[in-house]
Amino acid sequence: MIKGLLGILTILSFFAPLSVSGADKLIGIHSSRVMSQSMPWIAQEAGLFKKYDLDFQLVYLVSSGLVTAALLGGDAEMTLTGGVGNVRGYLQGATDLVFIGSVKNFMTQTIVAGGAIKKPEDLKGKKIAVTRIGSNSHYFTIQALRRVNLEPGRDFTFLQTGGDPESLTALVSGGIEVACLTAPNDAQAIAQGFHYVVYGPDLKIPYTAASFVARRSVIAKRPQVIAHFMRAMAEAAKILHTDREFVYKVLGKQLRLTDRRVLDAGYNSEIQALEPRLAIKMESLQAILDEVAQTDARAKKIKPKELVDTRYLDEMEKSGFFDQLWAKK
């Protein structure tokens, strides 16, 4: 079923570069059309895949759970997604899954509304739009509202929209009152007259929100290919942090977003949370384990380091690659 679904989605990929003779083919999946998952877009636009002799294809498949299933099913060899689907998969016996780099280690979602809904307490009895149950937006909403003693089911409920752009569309059209959004979608909502009820970047809730996840068996078979991909992502991260105009060009192309005020607002809030050297934070993985442990006791026996392979990050540090990259103007 996953293979059939992914076959359809492959046709709808955001980019499918022409095959380069002799280049190593690699298929990746990402789970959200947001800035924190934009590095493959940036790498494609900057020619980094060609530089590293990669014929890379990126597919969009909403929610980390579906991405994890597709990765385990052999439909892709690399993913960029939230951590919870991979953690749950690992606990269920899929120990081939491994985190090899991270883009964002705490949550930056926001809860946006209009009208008389002004503060978190006003969300009692409301239906809140999230991308999917089990997604980053779902997790963020639960964690943020627990701080004001609101619990899902008892005090509020969820509406699944399928993605951030869909949540924004539903909010703007009046189909929903409240939505959990990620940059730059939240900035688009603010520009259209809505306001923040909860501003996530201020809360700094630890969570492996956007990470590169692969399979240990794939790394064993194709270590150099994965190494080249991670170097391309490291260079894309440098561009993301240092070349705002290039990033805006990419986001404009991929998200059809050209409003400079929206781009500025989204970039300014999100860039502070993104890892310049793709570091994986153990406390962020532990936060997911702690949450999952409430319904799956197996999570209490797992240490974050069991889920991680830092060989590529370590090599880029020890070889001086990161230092040379960031020394360039």
Protein backbone atom coordinates (compact mmCIF):
# COMPACT_ATOMS: atom_id res chain seq x y z
CA MET A 1 0.00 0.00 0.00
CA ILE A 2 2.79 2.42 0.92
CA LYS A 3 4.62 1.59 -2.31
CA GLY A 4 1.52 2.31 -4.35
CA LEU A 5 0.86 5.57 -2.55
CA LEU A 6 4.46 6.65 -2.83
CA GLY A 7 4.44 5.86 -6.52
CA ILE A 8 1.66 8.38 -6.97
CA LEU A 9 3.36 10.93 -4.76
CA THR A 10 6.62 10.54 -6.64
CA ILE A 11 4.89 11.98 -9.68
CA LEU A 12 3.90 14.92 -7.50
CA SER A 13 7.40 15.44 -6.14
CA PHE A 14 8.57 19.00 -5.70
CA PHE A 15 11.57 18.31 -7.83
CA ALA A 16 12.79 15.37 -9.81
CA PRO A 17 16.15 16.31 -11.32
CA LEU A 18 17.12 14.84 -14.63
CA SER A 19 19.30 11.78 -14.29
CA VAL A 20 22.98 12.51 -14.47
CA SER A 21 25.11 9.84 -16.03
CA GLY A 22 27.14 8.13 -13.33
CA ALA A 23 25.47 10.03 -10.48
CA ASP A 24 24.33 8.12 -7.41
CA LYS A 25 20.56 7.93 -7.23
CA LEU A 26 18.95 8.67 -3.89
CA ILE A 27 15.29 9.10 -2.96
CA GLY A 28 14.30 11.18 0.05
CA ILE A 29 11.00 12.04 1.71
CA HIS A 30 10.05 15.07 3.76
CA SER A 31 6.92 15.51 5.82
CA SER A 32 6.17 19.23 5.79
CA ARG A 33 6.35 22.15 3.38
CA VAL A 34 8.00 24.53 5.82
CA MET A 35 11.25 26.43 6.18
CA SER A 36 12.84 23.93 8.56
CA GLN A 37 12.55 21.25 5.87
CA SER A 38 13.69 23.46 3.00
CA MET A 39 17.33 22.38 2.78
CA PRO A 40 16.81 19.84 -0.02
CA TRP A 41 15.08 22.59 -2.00
CA ILE A 42 18.02 24.91 -1.31
CA ALA A 43 20.55 22.23 -2.27
CA GLN A 44 18.76 21.60 -5.54
CA GLU A 45 18.56 25.29 -6.42
CA ALA A 46 22.22 25.86 -5.49
CA GLY A 47 23.48 22.89 -7.53
CA LEU A 48 24.79 21.06 -4.49
CA PHE A 49 23.44 17.65 -5.51
CA LYS A 50 25.24 17.97 -8.82
CA LYS A 51 28.39 19.05 -6.96
CA TYR A 52 28.29 15.86 -4.88
CA ASP A 53 27.35 13.68 -7.86
CA LEU A 54 23.89 12.85 -6.53
CA ASP A 55 20.76 12.26 -8.55
CA PHE A 56 18.39 13.12 -5.71
CA GLN A 57 14.61 13.03 -5.79
CA LEU A 58 12.50 14.51 -3.01
CA VAL A 59 8.96 13.36 -2.28
CA TYR A 60 6.41 15.00 0.02
CA LEU A 61 4.47 12.62 2.26
CA VAL A 62 2.58 14.27 5.10
CA SER A 63 3.23 13.15 8.72
CA SER A 64 6.26 11.48 10.25
CA GLY A 65 4.38 8.22 10.76
CA LEU A 66 3.78 7.75 7.03
CA VAL A 67 7.33 8.84 6.25
CA THR A 68 8.70 6.25 8.69
CA ALA A 69 6.54 3.52 7.13
CA ALA A 70 7.75 4.43 3.65
CA LEU A 71 11.38 4.44 4.77
CA LEU A 72 11.02 1.02 6.39
CA GLY A 73 9.22 -0.26 3.30
CA GLY A 74 12.23 0.58 1.15
CA ASP A 75 10.53 3.36 -0.79
CA ALA A 76 13.26 5.84 0.16
CA GLU A 77 16.72 5.87 1.69
CA MET A 78 16.67 9.23 3.46
CA THR A 79 14.03 11.25 5.27
CA LEU A 80 13.69 14.72 6.72
CA THR A 81 10.87 14.69 9.23
CA GLY A 82 9.72 15.04 12.83
CA GLY A 83 11.08 12.55 15.32
CA VAL A 84 8.04 10.92 16.88
CA GLY A 85 7.21 8.51 14.04
CA ASN A 86 10.75 7.21 14.01
CA VAL A 87 10.88 6.84 17.79
CA ARG A 88 7.63 4.89 17.79
CA GLY A 89 8.91 2.71 14.96
CA TYR A 90 12.11 1.98 16.86
CA LEU A 91 10.16 0.97 19.96
CA GLN A 92 8.06 -1.38 17.85
CA GLY A 93 11.16 -3.24 16.73
CA ALA A 94 12.38 -1.23 13.74
CA THR A 95 15.84 -0.69 15.24
CA ASP A 96 17.24 -0.21 11.73
CA LEU A 97 16.04 3.39 12.00
CA VAL A 98 18.69 5.91 13.00
CA PHE A 99 18.95 9.70 13.38
CA ILE A 100 22.04 11.04 11.59
CA GLY A 101 21.54 14.81 11.80
CA SER A 102 19.06 17.39 13.00
CA VAL A 103 17.76 20.69 11.70
CA LYS A 104 15.56 21.76 14.60
CA ASN A 105 15.67 20.59 18.22
CA PHE A 106 12.83 22.53 19.77
CA MET A 107 9.35 23.39 18.64
CA THR A 108 8.48 26.68 16.95
CA GLN A 109 4.84 26.14 16.08
CA THR A 110 2.31 28.78 17.01
CA ILE A 111 -1.40 28.70 17.74
CA VAL A 112 -3.22 31.35 15.73
CA ALA A 113 -6.81 32.54 15.92
CA GLY A 114 -9.06 35.48 15.20
CA GLY A 115 -11.86 37.34 16.94
CA ALA A 116 -12.28 37.05 20.71
CA ILE A 117 -9.88 34.14 21.18
CA LYS A 118 -6.94 36.01 22.73
CA LYS A 119 -5.22 33.81 25.31
CA PRO A 120 -4.59 30.06 25.78
CA GLU A 121 -7.41 29.74 28.31
CA ASP A 122 -9.85 30.91 25.62
CA LEU A 123 -9.19 27.66 23.75
CA LYS A 124 -11.26 25.63 26.19
CA GLY A 125 -14.03 23.92 24.28
CA LYS A 126 -12.48 24.76 20.90
CA LYS A 127 -11.53 22.58 17.96
CA ILE A 128 -7.91 23.19 16.90
CA ALA A 129 -6.63 22.45 13.41
CA VAL A 130 -3.42 20.38 13.20
CA THR A 131 -1.84 18.60 10.28
CA ARG A 132 -2.27 15.06 11.62
CA ILE A 133 -2.75 13.31 14.95
CA GLY A 134 0.78 12.35 15.99
CA SER A 135 2.35 15.19 14.00
CA ASN A 136 4.57 17.99 15.31
CA SER A 137 1.62 20.40 15.40
CA HIS A 138 -0.43 17.90 17.41
CA TYR A 139 2.40 17.36 19.91
CA PHE A 140 3.10 21.08 20.23
CA THR A 141 -0.53 21.93 20.92
CA ILE A 142 -0.74 19.35 23.69
CA GLN A 143 2.49 20.47 25.33
CA ALA A 144 1.72 24.18 25.06
CA LEU A 145 -1.82 23.95 26.45
CA ARG A 146 -0.82 21.68 29.32
CA ARG A 147 1.00 24.71 30.66
CA VAL A 148 -2.39 26.26 31.33
CA ASN A 149 -3.95 22.96 32.53
CA LEU A 150 -5.88 22.24 29.35
CA GLU A 151 -5.95 18.61 28.22
CA PRO A 152 -6.97 17.17 24.83
CA GLY A 153 -10.30 15.41 24.83
CA ARG A 154 -11.35 16.99 28.09
CA ASP A 155 -10.85 20.67 27.26
CA PHE A 156 -10.30 20.84 23.50
CA THR A 157 -10.33 18.64 20.41
CA PHE A 158 -8.41 18.38 17.15
CA LEU A 159 -9.28 18.68 13.49
CA GLN A 160 -6.84 17.05 11.04
CA THR A 161 -6.32 19.08 7.87
CA GLY A 162 -3.49 17.16 6.20
CA GLY A 163 -0.87 19.92 6.16
CA ASP A 164 0.11 23.42 7.25
CA PRO A 165 -1.06 25.12 4.02
CA GLU A 166 -4.40 23.34 4.38
CA SER A 167 -4.73 24.54 7.99
CA LEU A 168 -4.00 28.09 6.87
CA THR A 169 -6.56 27.89 4.08
CA ALA A 170 -9.21 26.58 6.47
CA LEU A 171 -8.46 29.37 8.93
CA VAL A 172 -8.58 32.14 6.33
CA SER A 173 -11.77 30.79 4.74
CA GLY A 174 -13.54 30.70 8.10
CA GLY A 175 -13.82 26.93 8.16
CA ILE A 176 -12.04 26.81 11.52
CA GLU A 177 -11.42 29.24 14.36
CA VAL A 178 -7.98 28.10 15.56
CA ALA A 179 -4.95 26.54 13.89
CA CYS A 180 -1.50 25.37 14.92
CA LEU A 181 0.90 26.61 12.24
CA THR A 182 4.62 26.58 11.43
CA ALA A 183 6.67 29.36 9.80
CA PRO A 184 6.09 30.90 7.34
CA ASN A 185 2.43 29.84 7.38
CA ASP A 186 1.84 31.55 10.73
CA ALA A 187 3.23 34.81 9.36
CA GLN A 188 0.80 34.55 6.45
CA ALA A 189 -2.08 34.24 8.92
CA ILE A 190 -0.89 37.26 10.93
CA ALA A 191 -0.61 39.30 7.73
CA GLN A 192 -4.29 38.53 7.06
CA GLY A 193 -5.48 39.85 10.41
CA PHE A 194 -5.23 36.87 12.73
CA HIS A 195 -3.21 36.95 15.95
CA TYR A 196 -1.03 34.70 18.08
CA VAL A 197 -2.68 32.90 20.98
CA VAL A 198 0.47 30.89 21.75
CA TYR A 199 3.86 31.89 20.32
CA GLY A 200 5.92 28.71 20.34
CA PRO A 201 9.45 30.08 19.85
CA ASP A 202 9.21 31.73 23.27
CA LEU A 203 8.38 28.41 24.98
CA LYS A 204 11.41 26.52 23.61
CA ILE A 205 9.76 23.12 24.09
CA PRO A 206 12.51 20.51 23.45
CA TYR A 207 11.64 18.12 20.64
CA THR A 208 13.41 16.60 17.65
CA ALA A 209 11.22 18.58 15.27
CA ALA A 210 13.09 18.16 11.96
CA SER A 211 15.81 15.54 11.52
CA PHE A 212 17.55 13.42 8.92
CA VAL A 213 16.69 9.77 9.50
CA ALA A 214 17.99 6.80 7.54
CA ARG A 215 18.34 3.05 8.00
CA ARG A 216 21.49 1.48 9.42
CA SER A 217 21.38 -1.16 6.69
CA VAL A 218 21.38 1.50 3.97
CA ILE A 219 24.30 3.31 5.62
CA ALA A 220 26.23 0.02 5.70
CA LYS A 221 25.64 -0.51 1.97
CA ARG A 222 26.02 3.07 0.76
CA PRO A 223 28.15 4.94 3.33
CA GLN A 224 29.78 7.27 0.81
CA VAL A 225 26.49 8.21 -0.86
CA ILE A 226 24.97 9.15 2.49
CA ALA A 227 28.16 11.04 3.35
CA HIS A 228 27.83 13.09 0.16
CA PHE A 229 24.19 13.81 0.92
CA MET A 230 25.01 15.03 4.41
CA ARG A 231 27.74 17.31 3.06
CA ALA A 232 25.24 18.75 0.62
CA MET A 233 22.84 19.34 3.52
CA ALA A 234 25.61 20.96 5.57
CA GLU A 235 26.25 23.40 2.72
CA ALA A 236 22.51 24.02 2.35
CA ALA A 237 22.35 24.79 6.08
CA LYS A 238 25.09 27.39 5.62
CA ILE A 239 23.07 29.01 2.82
CA LEU A 240 19.93 28.88 4.95
CA HIS A 241 21.65 30.77 7.77
CA THR A 242 23.65 33.27 5.73
CA ASP A 243 21.91 34.04 2.42
CA ARG A 244 18.44 35.28 3.19
CA GLU A 245 17.78 36.45 -0.37
CA PHE A 246 18.57 33.05 -1.83
CA VAL A 247 16.35 31.37 0.77
CA TYR A 248 13.50 33.75 -0.09
CA LYS A 249 13.92 32.88 -3.75
CA VAL A 250 13.63 29.17 -2.94
CA LEU A 251 10.67 29.58 -0.57
CA GLY A 252 8.95 31.79 -3.10
CA LYS A 253 9.34 29.14 -5.77
CA GLN A 254 8.31 26.18 -3.63
CA LEU A 255 5.59 27.79 -1.52
CA ARG A 256 4.43 30.44 -4.01
CA LEU A 257 5.14 33.03 -1.37
CA THR A 258 6.42 36.46 -2.38
CA ASP A 259 5.20 38.83 0.35
CA ARG A 260 8.41 40.25 1.81
CA ARG A 261 6.83 41.02 5.18
CA VAL A 262 5.64 37.44 5.55
CA LEU A 263 9.01 36.04 4.49
CA ASP A 264 10.85 38.32 6.93
CA ALA A 265 8.56 37.43 9.83
CA GLY A 266 8.77 33.71 9.14
CA TYR A 267 12.52 33.70 8.63
CA ASN A 268 13.28 35.82 11.69
CA SER A 269 11.29 33.59 14.03
CA GLU A 270 12.41 30.26 12.61
CA ILE A 271 16.12 30.75 11.92
CA GLN A 272 16.90 31.12 15.63
CA ALA A 273 15.76 27.53 16.19
CA LEU A 274 17.69 25.89 13.35
CA GLU A 275 20.99 24.09 13.86
CA PRO A 276 23.82 25.55 11.75
CA ARG A 277 25.88 22.33 11.98
CA LEU A 278 22.99 19.84 12.03
CA ALA A 279 23.60 18.91 15.67
CA ILE A 280 21.40 16.29 17.32
CA LYS A 281 20.36 17.23 20.87
CA MET A 282 19.84 14.27 23.19
CA GLU A 283 17.46 16.20 25.43
CA SER A 284 15.15 16.71 22.44
CA LEU A 285 15.02 12.99 21.70
CA GLN A 286 14.52 12.33 25.41
CA ALA A 287 11.50 14.65 25.36
CA ILE A 288 9.89 12.45 22.69
CA LEU A 289 10.72 9.31 24.63
CA ASP A 290 9.17 10.81 27.76
CA GLU A 291 5.97 11.67 25.89
CA VAL A 292 5.70 8.28 24.18
CA ALA A 293 6.38 6.53 27.51
CA GLN A 294 2.98 7.69 28.73
CA THR A 295 1.36 5.16 26.39
CA ASP A 296 4.25 2.79 25.64
CA ALA A 297 6.33 1.66 28.61
CA ARG A 298 9.11 0.42 26.30
CA ALA A 299 10.19 4.04 25.85
CA LYS A 300 11.38 4.15 29.46
CA LYS A 301 14.10 1.58 28.68
CA ILE A 302 15.57 3.40 25.67
CA LYS A 303 18.37 5.95 25.87
CA PRO A 304 18.52 8.67 23.19
CA LYS A 305 22.03 7.65 22.10
CA GLU A 306 20.66 4.27 20.99
CA LEU A 307 18.70 6.09 18.29
CA VAL A 308 21.64 8.09 16.94
CA ASP A 309 24.62 7.65 14.60
CA THR A 310 26.78 10.79 14.47
CA ARG A 311 29.50 9.43 12.19
CA TYR A 312 28.83 11.98 9.44
CA LEU A 313 28.61 14.95 11.78
CA ASP A 314 31.77 13.76 13.58
CA GLU A 315 33.64 13.38 10.30
CA MET A 316 32.69 16.88 9.16
CA GLU A 317 33.89 18.29 12.48
CA LYS A 318 37.14 16.32 12.71
CA SER A 319 38.10 16.84 9.06
CA GLY A 320 37.64 20.59 9.36
CA PHE A 321 34.84 20.59 6.78
CA PHE A 322 32.46 22.55 9.01
CA ASP A 323 35.14 25.07 9.99
CA GLN A 324 36.15 25.64 6.37
CA LEU A 325 32.53 25.92 5.28
CA TRP A 326 31.64 28.52 7.89
CA ALA A 327 34.87 30.44 7.36
CA LYS A 328 33.75 31.22 3.82
CA LYS A 329 31.96 34.52 3.34
